[in-house]
Amino acid sequence: MAVPQEKAHTHILGRDAGMQGKLPPGNVVETYTFGQTKVSICDDFVVRSPGEIQKIIREMHLVGWEILREDS
């Protein structure tokens, strides 16, 4: 069921924050096109060392347990 909107969105000049400058080029591993929009997937922030991987897994476990505690 659609949510009725009381008034249409209006653009307020000067209040929308645009992107400042350009992003640095990344290591593009995949590119998708949706209509006229091009989406590039980069792997620049993928951790590869065993220590970094273990740190990420540990952080995921801690966050998961915190979520379970909040739900109970």
N, C-alpha and C. Protein backbone atom coordinates (compact mmCIF):
# COMPACT_ATOMS: atom_id res chain seq x y z
N MET A 1 0.84 -1.18 0.00
CA MET A 1 0.00 0.00 0.00
C MET A 1 0.89 1.24 0.00
N ALA A 2 0.61 2.14 -0.89
CA ALA A 2 1.40 3.36 -0.99
C ALA A 2 1.05 4.33 0.13
N VAL A 3 2.05 5.07 0.57
CA VAL A 3 1.84 6.07 1.61
C VAL A 3 1.49 7.39 0.92
N PRO A 4 0.33 7.96 1.24
CA PRO A 4 -0.03 9.22 0.59
C PRO A 4 0.88 10.36 1.03
N GLN A 5 1.24 11.20 0.08
CA GLN A 5 2.07 12.35 0.40
C GLN A 5 1.22 13.60 0.36
N GLU A 6 1.35 14.40 1.41
CA GLU A 6 0.51 15.59 1.49
C GLU A 6 0.96 16.67 0.53
N LYS A 7 2.27 16.77 0.30
CA LYS A 7 2.72 17.73 -0.70
C LYS A 7 3.95 17.17 -1.40
N ALA A 8 4.14 17.59 -2.62
CA ALA A 8 5.26 17.09 -3.42
C ALA A 8 6.57 17.65 -2.89
N HIS A 9 7.65 16.92 -3.16
CA HIS A 9 8.98 17.38 -2.77
C HIS A 9 9.33 18.63 -3.55
N THR A 10 9.91 19.60 -2.87
CA THR A 10 10.38 20.80 -3.54
C THR A 10 11.85 20.99 -3.23
N HIS A 11 12.59 21.43 -4.21
CA HIS A 11 14.01 21.68 -4.05
C HIS A 11 14.22 23.04 -3.40
N ILE A 12 14.99 23.06 -2.32
CA ILE A 12 15.30 24.32 -1.65
C ILE A 12 16.73 24.68 -2.01
N LEU A 13 16.90 25.69 -2.82
CA LEU A 13 18.20 26.09 -3.32
C LEU A 13 19.16 26.40 -2.17
N GLY A 14 20.36 25.81 -2.24
CA GLY A 14 21.39 26.10 -1.25
C GLY A 14 21.38 25.19 -0.03
N ARG A 15 20.41 24.31 0.12
CA ARG A 15 20.34 23.46 1.30
C ARG A 15 20.80 22.04 1.04
N ASP A 16 20.90 21.65 -0.23
CA ASP A 16 21.36 20.30 -0.56
C ASP A 16 22.88 20.32 -0.67
N ALA A 17 23.53 19.41 0.06
CA ALA A 17 24.99 19.34 0.02
C ALA A 17 25.41 18.45 -1.14
N GLY A 18 26.12 19.01 -2.06
CA GLY A 18 26.63 18.24 -3.19
C GLY A 18 27.98 17.64 -2.86
N MET A 19 28.47 16.78 -3.73
CA MET A 19 29.77 16.17 -3.54
C MET A 19 30.86 17.22 -3.72
N GLN A 20 31.78 17.28 -2.82
CA GLN A 20 32.86 18.25 -2.90
C GLN A 20 34.05 17.62 -3.62
N GLY A 21 34.36 18.08 -4.81
CA GLY A 21 35.49 17.54 -5.55
C GLY A 21 35.17 16.16 -6.13
N LYS A 22 36.20 15.52 -6.63
CA LYS A 22 36.03 14.21 -7.24
C LYS A 22 36.67 13.14 -6.37
N LEU A 23 36.16 11.94 -6.47
CA LEU A 23 36.75 10.81 -5.76
C LEU A 23 38.00 10.37 -6.49
N PRO A 24 38.99 9.84 -5.76
CA PRO A 24 40.18 9.34 -6.45
C PRO A 24 39.81 8.09 -7.25
N PRO A 25 40.53 7.83 -8.35
CA PRO A 25 40.20 6.64 -9.14
C PRO A 25 40.44 5.37 -8.32
N GLY A 26 39.58 4.40 -8.46
CA GLY A 26 39.71 3.16 -7.70
C GLY A 26 40.04 1.99 -8.60
N ASN A 27 40.22 0.84 -7.99
CA ASN A 27 40.46 -0.40 -8.73
C ASN A 27 39.11 -1.01 -9.08
N VAL A 28 38.60 -0.67 -10.25
CA VAL A 28 37.26 -1.10 -10.66
C VAL A 28 37.30 -2.59 -11.00
N VAL A 29 36.44 -3.37 -10.31
CA VAL A 29 36.38 -4.80 -10.56
C VAL A 29 35.11 -5.21 -11.31
N GLU A 30 34.12 -4.34 -11.33
CA GLU A 30 32.88 -4.65 -12.04
C GLU A 30 32.15 -3.34 -12.34
N THR A 31 31.46 -3.30 -13.47
CA THR A 31 30.71 -2.11 -13.86
C THR A 31 29.31 -2.53 -14.30
N TYR A 32 28.31 -1.82 -13.80
CA TYR A 32 26.90 -2.06 -14.15
C TYR A 32 26.34 -0.79 -14.77
N THR A 33 25.38 -0.96 -15.66
CA THR A 33 24.68 0.18 -16.23
C THR A 33 23.20 0.00 -16.00
N PHE A 34 22.58 1.01 -15.38
CA PHE A 34 21.14 1.03 -15.13
C PHE A 34 20.59 2.25 -15.87
N GLY A 35 20.02 2.03 -17.03
CA GLY A 35 19.55 3.17 -17.83
C GLY A 35 20.75 4.00 -18.25
N GLN A 36 20.76 5.27 -17.85
CA GLN A 36 21.87 6.14 -18.18
C GLN A 36 22.86 6.28 -17.02
N THR A 37 22.67 5.48 -15.98
CA THR A 37 23.53 5.55 -14.80
C THR A 37 24.56 4.44 -14.84
N LYS A 38 25.83 4.79 -14.66
CA LYS A 38 26.92 3.83 -14.65
C LYS A 38 27.40 3.65 -13.21
N VAL A 39 27.45 2.41 -12.73
CA VAL A 39 27.89 2.11 -11.37
C VAL A 39 29.16 1.27 -11.45
N SER A 40 30.24 1.75 -10.84
CA SER A 40 31.50 1.01 -10.83
C SER A 40 31.75 0.48 -9.43
N ILE A 41 32.07 -0.81 -9.32
CA ILE A 41 32.36 -1.44 -8.04
C ILE A 41 33.88 -1.53 -7.91
N CYS A 42 34.41 -0.96 -6.82
CA CYS A 42 35.85 -0.97 -6.58
C CYS A 42 36.17 -1.84 -5.37
N ASP A 43 37.36 -2.42 -5.36
CA ASP A 43 37.77 -3.24 -4.22
C ASP A 43 38.90 -2.60 -3.42
N ASP A 44 38.98 -1.29 -3.44
CA ASP A 44 40.07 -0.58 -2.77
C ASP A 44 40.10 -0.81 -1.26
N PHE A 45 38.96 -1.03 -0.64
CA PHE A 45 38.90 -1.12 0.81
C PHE A 45 38.68 -2.55 1.29
N VAL A 46 39.04 -3.52 0.47
CA VAL A 46 38.92 -4.92 0.85
C VAL A 46 40.17 -5.31 1.63
N VAL A 47 39.96 -5.81 2.84
CA VAL A 47 41.11 -6.23 3.65
C VAL A 47 41.60 -7.58 3.16
N ARG A 48 42.91 -7.75 3.19
CA ARG A 48 43.48 -8.98 2.66
C ARG A 48 44.41 -9.69 3.63
N SER A 49 44.98 -8.98 4.57
CA SER A 49 45.92 -9.65 5.48
C SER A 49 45.15 -10.45 6.52
N PRO A 50 45.71 -11.57 6.99
CA PRO A 50 45.02 -12.40 7.98
C PRO A 50 44.67 -11.62 9.26
N GLY A 51 45.54 -10.72 9.69
CA GLY A 51 45.25 -9.93 10.89
C GLY A 51 44.06 -9.02 10.72
N GLU A 52 43.99 -8.35 9.55
CA GLU A 52 42.86 -7.46 9.27
C GLU A 52 41.56 -8.25 9.18
N ILE A 53 41.62 -9.42 8.55
CA ILE A 53 40.43 -10.26 8.40
C ILE A 53 39.92 -10.70 9.78
N GLN A 54 40.82 -11.13 10.65
CA GLN A 54 40.42 -11.55 12.00
C GLN A 54 39.82 -10.39 12.78
N LYS A 55 40.37 -9.19 12.61
CA LYS A 55 39.83 -8.01 13.30
C LYS A 55 38.40 -7.73 12.85
N ILE A 56 38.15 -7.81 11.55
CA ILE A 56 36.80 -7.57 11.01
C ILE A 56 35.83 -8.63 11.53
N ILE A 57 36.25 -9.90 11.52
CA ILE A 57 35.38 -10.99 12.01
C ILE A 57 35.05 -10.77 13.48
N ARG A 58 36.03 -10.39 14.27
CA ARG A 58 35.81 -10.13 15.71
C ARG A 58 34.81 -9.00 15.90
N GLU A 59 34.97 -7.91 15.14
CA GLU A 59 34.04 -6.77 15.24
C GLU A 59 32.62 -7.19 14.85
N MET A 60 32.50 -8.05 13.82
CA MET A 60 31.17 -8.52 13.41
C MET A 60 30.53 -9.34 14.52
N HIS A 61 31.31 -10.18 15.17
CA HIS A 61 30.78 -10.99 16.27
C HIS A 61 30.31 -10.11 17.43
N LEU A 62 31.12 -9.10 17.77
CA LEU A 62 30.75 -8.22 18.88
C LEU A 62 29.46 -7.47 18.58
N VAL A 63 29.34 -6.96 17.37
CA VAL A 63 28.13 -6.23 16.97
C VAL A 63 26.93 -7.18 16.97
N GLY A 64 27.12 -8.40 16.45
CA GLY A 64 26.03 -9.37 16.43
C GLY A 64 25.52 -9.71 17.82
N TRP A 65 26.44 -9.96 18.76
CA TRP A 65 26.03 -10.26 20.14
C TRP A 65 25.31 -9.08 20.77
N GLU A 66 25.75 -7.87 20.48
CA GLU A 66 25.10 -6.67 21.03
C GLU A 66 23.66 -6.57 20.50
N ILE A 67 23.47 -6.88 19.22
CA ILE A 67 22.12 -6.85 18.65
C ILE A 67 21.24 -7.90 19.32
N LEU A 68 21.78 -9.11 19.53
CA LEU A 68 21.01 -10.16 20.19
C LEU A 68 20.64 -9.76 21.62
N ARG A 69 21.56 -9.12 22.33
CA ARG A 69 21.25 -8.67 23.71
C ARG A 69 20.15 -7.62 23.72
N GLU A 70 20.15 -6.72 22.75
CA GLU A 70 19.13 -5.67 22.68
C GLU A 70 17.75 -6.26 22.40
N ASP A 71 17.71 -7.33 21.60
CA ASP A 71 16.42 -7.95 21.24
C ASP A 71 15.82 -8.80 22.34
N SER A 72 16.63 -9.20 23.34
CA SER A 72 16.08 -10.08 24.37
C SER A 72 15.59 -9.33 25.59
